[in-house]
C-alpha cells in the first residue's frame, strides 16, 4: 500500500543516492575491522551484537518483504560486516583472558 508515488526521476535519484550511501557505509566498517584484525579492541562487543541483530532484521525485511535488489545488497553488506566485527571482537575477548 502506497500513500504517495513519487515521479520516476525522484525514484531514480533516491535509488542512486541509496546505492552511494551503501558504498560509503560499506567502507566505513573497514577501519574497525582492520583494528580488530590487528588485535586492537576498538569495538564494544555488546553494541556490535545489537547492531548485528538489527542488521539481521533489516536484511530479512529487505529479502522477504521489500524484494528490492539495492536494498538487499546494502542490507547484506551491513549484516556481514557487523557479523565480522562481532567475531573478531569476540576473538580478542577470548584470547586475552
N, C-alpha and C. Protein backbone atom coordinates (compact mmCIF):
# COMPACT_ATOMS: atom_id res chain seq x y z
N UNK A 1 0.84 -1.17 0.00
CA UNK A 1 0.00 0.00 0.00
C UNK A 1 0.88 1.24 0.00
N UNK A 2 0.60 2.14 -0.88
CA UNK A 2 1.41 3.35 -1.00
C UNK A 2 0.51 4.58 -0.90
N UNK A 3 0.92 5.52 -0.08
CA UNK A 3 0.16 6.75 0.07
C UNK A 3 0.58 7.80 -0.94
N UNK A 4 1.81 7.64 -1.44
CA UNK A 4 2.35 8.62 -2.37
C UNK A 4 3.30 7.91 -3.32
N UNK A 5 3.14 8.11 -4.57
CA UNK A 5 4.05 7.53 -5.56
C UNK A 5 4.84 8.68 -6.20
N UNK A 6 6.14 8.73 -5.90
CA UNK A 6 6.94 9.83 -6.45
C UNK A 6 7.19 9.65 -7.94
N UNK A 7 7.52 10.72 -8.62
CA UNK A 7 7.84 10.62 -10.05
C UNK A 7 9.06 9.72 -10.27
N UNK A 8 9.16 9.13 -11.46
CA UNK A 8 10.25 8.22 -11.77
C UNK A 8 11.63 8.85 -11.56
N UNK A 9 11.77 10.11 -11.89
CA UNK A 9 13.06 10.78 -11.73
C UNK A 9 13.47 10.83 -10.27
N UNK A 10 12.53 11.07 -9.39
CA UNK A 10 12.81 11.11 -7.96
C UNK A 10 13.21 9.72 -7.47
N UNK A 11 12.52 8.71 -7.93
CA UNK A 11 12.85 7.33 -7.56
C UNK A 11 14.26 6.99 -8.03
N UNK A 12 14.61 7.38 -9.24
CA UNK A 12 15.94 7.12 -9.78
C UNK A 12 17.02 7.81 -8.93
N UNK A 13 16.81 9.07 -8.61
CA UNK A 13 17.79 9.81 -7.81
C UNK A 13 17.93 9.19 -6.43
N UNK A 14 16.81 8.87 -5.80
CA UNK A 14 16.86 8.27 -4.47
C UNK A 14 17.54 6.90 -4.49
N UNK A 15 17.28 6.11 -5.51
CA UNK A 15 17.93 4.80 -5.64
C UNK A 15 19.43 4.97 -5.81
N UNK A 16 19.83 5.94 -6.61
CA UNK A 16 21.26 6.20 -6.80
C UNK A 16 21.92 6.67 -5.51
N UNK A 17 21.28 7.60 -4.82
CA UNK A 17 21.82 8.10 -3.55
C UNK A 17 21.89 6.96 -2.53
N UNK A 18 20.88 6.12 -2.49
CA UNK A 18 20.89 4.99 -1.55
C UNK A 18 22.04 4.04 -1.87
N UNK A 19 22.28 3.80 -3.14
CA UNK A 19 23.40 2.95 -3.53
C UNK A 19 24.73 3.54 -3.12
N UNK A 20 24.90 4.85 -3.33
CA UNK A 20 26.13 5.53 -2.93
C UNK A 20 26.29 5.49 -1.41
N UNK A 21 25.20 5.73 -0.69
CA UNK A 21 25.25 5.66 0.77
C UNK A 21 25.64 4.25 1.23
N UNK A 22 25.15 3.25 0.53
CA UNK A 22 25.51 1.87 0.86
C UNK A 22 27.00 1.62 0.69
N UNK A 23 27.57 2.17 -0.37
CA UNK A 23 29.02 2.01 -0.61
C UNK A 23 29.81 2.73 0.47
N UNK A 24 29.38 3.93 0.84
CA UNK A 24 30.06 4.68 1.90
C UNK A 24 29.98 3.91 3.21
N UNK A 25 28.80 3.42 3.54
CA UNK A 25 28.64 2.65 4.77
C UNK A 25 29.50 1.39 4.73
N UNK A 26 29.51 0.73 3.58
CA UNK A 26 30.30 -0.48 3.38
C UNK A 26 31.77 -0.23 3.71
N UNK A 27 32.32 0.91 3.25
CA UNK A 27 33.73 1.21 3.51
C UNK A 27 33.96 1.70 4.93
N UNK A 28 32.92 2.23 5.58
CA UNK A 28 33.09 2.76 6.93
C UNK A 28 33.38 1.67 7.96
N UNK A 29 33.03 0.43 7.66
CA UNK A 29 33.31 -0.67 8.58
C UNK A 29 34.79 -1.03 8.62
N UNK A 30 35.51 -0.77 7.54
CA UNK A 30 36.86 -1.28 7.40
C UNK A 30 37.86 -0.80 8.46
N UNK A 31 37.87 0.46 8.90
CA UNK A 31 38.83 0.82 9.95
C UNK A 31 38.66 -0.01 11.22
N UNK A 32 37.42 -0.28 11.60
CA UNK A 32 37.18 -1.10 12.79
C UNK A 32 37.62 -2.54 12.54
N UNK A 33 37.31 -3.07 11.37
CA UNK A 33 37.72 -4.44 11.04
C UNK A 33 39.24 -4.56 11.05
N UNK A 34 39.93 -3.58 10.48
CA UNK A 34 41.40 -3.62 10.46
C UNK A 34 41.96 -3.56 11.88
N UNK A 35 41.43 -2.66 12.72
CA UNK A 35 41.87 -2.60 14.12
C UNK A 35 41.70 -3.94 14.81
N UNK A 36 40.52 -4.52 14.66
CA UNK A 36 40.25 -5.79 15.33
C UNK A 36 41.14 -6.90 14.79
N UNK A 37 41.38 -6.90 13.50
CA UNK A 37 42.26 -7.90 12.89
C UNK A 37 43.67 -7.81 13.49
N UNK A 38 44.10 -6.57 13.81
CA UNK A 38 45.41 -6.35 14.41
C UNK A 38 45.41 -6.62 15.91
N UNK A 39 44.24 -6.94 16.47
CA UNK A 39 44.15 -7.22 17.90
C UNK A 39 43.85 -6.01 18.76
N UNK A 40 43.50 -4.89 18.13
CA UNK A 40 43.16 -3.67 18.87
C UNK A 40 41.66 -3.73 19.20
N UNK A 41 41.30 -3.79 20.48
CA UNK A 41 39.88 -3.92 20.84
C UNK A 41 39.11 -2.61 20.72
N UNK A 42 38.90 -2.17 19.48
CA UNK A 42 38.31 -0.85 19.23
C UNK A 42 36.80 -0.86 19.10
N UNK A 43 36.16 -1.98 19.38
CA UNK A 43 34.70 -2.06 19.23
C UNK A 43 34.10 -2.67 20.50
N UNK A 44 32.99 -2.10 20.93
CA UNK A 44 32.28 -2.64 22.08
C UNK A 44 31.46 -3.85 21.62
N UNK A 45 31.72 -5.01 22.20
CA UNK A 45 31.09 -6.25 21.76
C UNK A 45 29.57 -6.20 21.89
N UNK A 46 29.07 -5.74 23.02
CA UNK A 46 27.61 -5.68 23.20
C UNK A 46 26.94 -4.79 22.15
N UNK A 47 27.54 -3.65 21.90
CA UNK A 47 26.98 -2.73 20.90
C UNK A 47 26.93 -3.39 19.53
N UNK A 48 27.99 -4.05 19.15
CA UNK A 48 28.04 -4.67 17.82
C UNK A 48 27.15 -5.90 17.72
N UNK A 49 26.91 -6.57 18.82
CA UNK A 49 25.92 -7.65 18.80
C UNK A 49 24.54 -7.07 18.51
N UNK A 50 24.21 -5.95 19.15
CA UNK A 50 22.92 -5.29 18.89
C UNK A 50 22.85 -4.83 17.43
N UNK A 51 23.93 -4.21 16.93
CA UNK A 51 23.96 -3.79 15.53
C UNK A 51 23.75 -4.98 14.59
N UNK A 52 24.37 -6.11 14.91
CA UNK A 52 24.25 -7.30 14.07
C UNK A 52 22.81 -7.81 14.08
N UNK A 53 22.19 -7.83 15.23
CA UNK A 53 20.80 -8.31 15.31
C UNK A 53 19.85 -7.37 14.57
N UNK A 54 20.06 -6.06 14.70
CA UNK A 54 19.19 -5.14 13.96
C UNK A 54 19.47 -5.22 12.46
N UNK A 55 20.73 -5.41 12.09
CA UNK A 55 21.04 -5.60 10.66
C UNK A 55 20.42 -6.88 10.13
N UNK A 56 20.33 -7.92 10.96
CA UNK A 56 19.66 -9.15 10.55
C UNK A 56 18.19 -8.89 10.28
N UNK A 57 17.54 -8.11 11.15
CA UNK A 57 16.13 -7.78 10.95
C UNK A 57 15.94 -6.99 9.66
N UNK A 58 16.82 -6.03 9.40
CA UNK A 58 16.73 -5.23 8.17
C UNK A 58 16.95 -6.13 6.94
N UNK A 59 17.93 -7.02 7.01
CA UNK A 59 18.20 -7.93 5.91
C UNK A 59 16.99 -8.80 5.61
N UNK A 60 16.40 -9.38 6.64
CA UNK A 60 15.22 -10.23 6.43
C UNK A 60 14.05 -9.43 5.86
N UNK A 61 13.89 -8.22 6.33
CA UNK A 61 12.83 -7.36 5.80
C UNK A 61 13.08 -7.06 4.32
N UNK A 62 14.31 -6.73 3.99
CA UNK A 62 14.65 -6.44 2.59
C UNK A 62 14.43 -7.66 1.71
N UNK A 63 14.84 -8.81 2.20
CA UNK A 63 14.75 -10.03 1.41
C UNK A 63 13.33 -10.56 1.28
N UNK A 64 12.61 -10.58 2.39
CA UNK A 64 11.31 -11.25 2.41
C UNK A 64 10.11 -10.34 2.18
N UNK A 65 10.28 -9.04 2.40
CA UNK A 65 9.14 -8.13 2.28
C UNK A 65 9.31 -7.17 1.10
N UNK A 66 10.43 -6.48 1.06
CA UNK A 66 10.61 -5.41 0.08
C UNK A 66 10.99 -5.95 -1.30
N UNK A 67 11.83 -6.96 -1.36
CA UNK A 67 12.26 -7.57 -2.63
C UNK A 67 12.94 -6.56 -3.56
N UNK A 68 13.74 -5.67 -2.99
CA UNK A 68 14.42 -4.65 -3.78
C UNK A 68 15.92 -4.93 -3.76
N UNK A 69 16.51 -5.19 -4.94
CA UNK A 69 17.89 -5.62 -5.02
C UNK A 69 18.88 -4.65 -4.38
N UNK A 70 18.83 -3.33 -4.65
CA UNK A 70 19.78 -2.44 -3.97
C UNK A 70 19.64 -2.50 -2.44
N UNK A 71 18.42 -2.55 -1.96
CA UNK A 71 18.18 -2.64 -0.51
C UNK A 71 18.74 -3.95 0.03
N UNK A 72 18.52 -5.04 -0.66
CA UNK A 72 19.02 -6.35 -0.23
C UNK A 72 20.54 -6.35 -0.20
N UNK A 73 21.17 -5.77 -1.23
CA UNK A 73 22.64 -5.75 -1.28
C UNK A 73 23.23 -4.92 -0.14
N UNK A 74 22.67 -3.75 0.10
CA UNK A 74 23.17 -2.92 1.20
C UNK A 74 22.93 -3.61 2.54
N UNK A 75 21.76 -4.18 2.73
CA UNK A 75 21.46 -4.87 3.99
C UNK A 75 22.39 -6.06 4.19
N UNK A 76 22.69 -6.79 3.12
CA UNK A 76 23.60 -7.93 3.21
C UNK A 76 25.00 -7.47 3.60
N UNK A 77 25.48 -6.41 2.95
CA UNK A 77 26.81 -5.88 3.29
C UNK A 77 26.90 -5.43 4.73
N UNK A 78 25.89 -4.72 5.19
CA UNK A 78 25.88 -4.26 6.58
C UNK A 78 25.87 -5.43 7.55
N UNK A 79 25.04 -6.42 7.28
CA UNK A 79 24.95 -7.59 8.15
C UNK A 79 26.27 -8.33 8.20
N UNK A 80 26.87 -8.58 7.06
CA UNK A 80 28.14 -9.32 7.03
C UNK A 80 29.26 -8.57 7.74
N UNK A 81 29.34 -7.28 7.51
CA UNK A 81 30.38 -6.50 8.17
C UNK A 81 30.18 -6.47 9.69
N UNK A 82 28.96 -6.27 10.13
CA UNK A 82 28.69 -6.26 11.57
C UNK A 82 29.03 -7.62 12.18
N UNK A 83 28.68 -8.69 11.48
CA UNK A 83 28.98 -10.03 11.98
C UNK A 83 30.49 -10.26 12.07
N UNK A 84 31.22 -9.83 11.06
CA UNK A 84 32.69 -9.96 11.09
C UNK A 84 33.26 -9.20 12.28
N UNK A 85 32.76 -8.01 12.55
CA UNK A 85 33.24 -7.24 13.69
C UNK A 85 32.96 -7.97 15.00
N UNK A 86 31.77 -8.55 15.13
CA UNK A 86 31.45 -9.31 16.35
C UNK A 86 32.40 -10.49 16.51
N UNK A 87 32.62 -11.22 15.44
CA UNK A 87 33.50 -12.40 15.51
C UNK A 87 34.93 -11.99 15.88
N UNK A 88 35.44 -10.95 15.22
CA UNK A 88 36.80 -10.51 15.51
C UNK A 88 36.93 -9.97 16.93
N UNK A 89 35.93 -9.22 17.38
CA UNK A 89 35.99 -8.67 18.75
C UNK A 89 35.87 -9.79 19.78
N UNK A 90 35.03 -10.76 19.51
CA UNK A 90 34.89 -11.91 20.43
C UNK A 90 36.21 -12.68 20.49
N UNK A 91 36.87 -12.80 19.36
CA UNK A 91 38.16 -13.49 19.32
C UNK A 91 39.16 -12.80 20.23
N UNK A 92 39.20 -11.48 20.20
CA UNK A 92 40.11 -10.73 21.07
C UNK A 92 39.73 -10.94 22.53
N UNK A 93 38.44 -10.91 22.82
CA UNK A 93 37.96 -11.07 24.20
C UNK A 93 38.36 -12.44 24.76
N UNK A 94 38.22 -13.48 23.95
CA UNK A 94 38.52 -14.83 24.45
C UNK A 94 40.00 -15.16 24.47
N UNK A 95 40.80 -14.49 23.67
CA UNK A 95 42.25 -14.79 23.66
C UNK A 95 43.02 -13.96 24.66
N UNK A 96 42.43 -12.90 25.23
CA UNK A 96 43.15 -12.07 26.19
C UNK A 96 42.84 -12.41 27.62
N UNK A 97 42.02 -13.41 27.86
CA UNK A 97 41.70 -13.81 29.24
C UNK A 97 42.76 -14.71 29.81
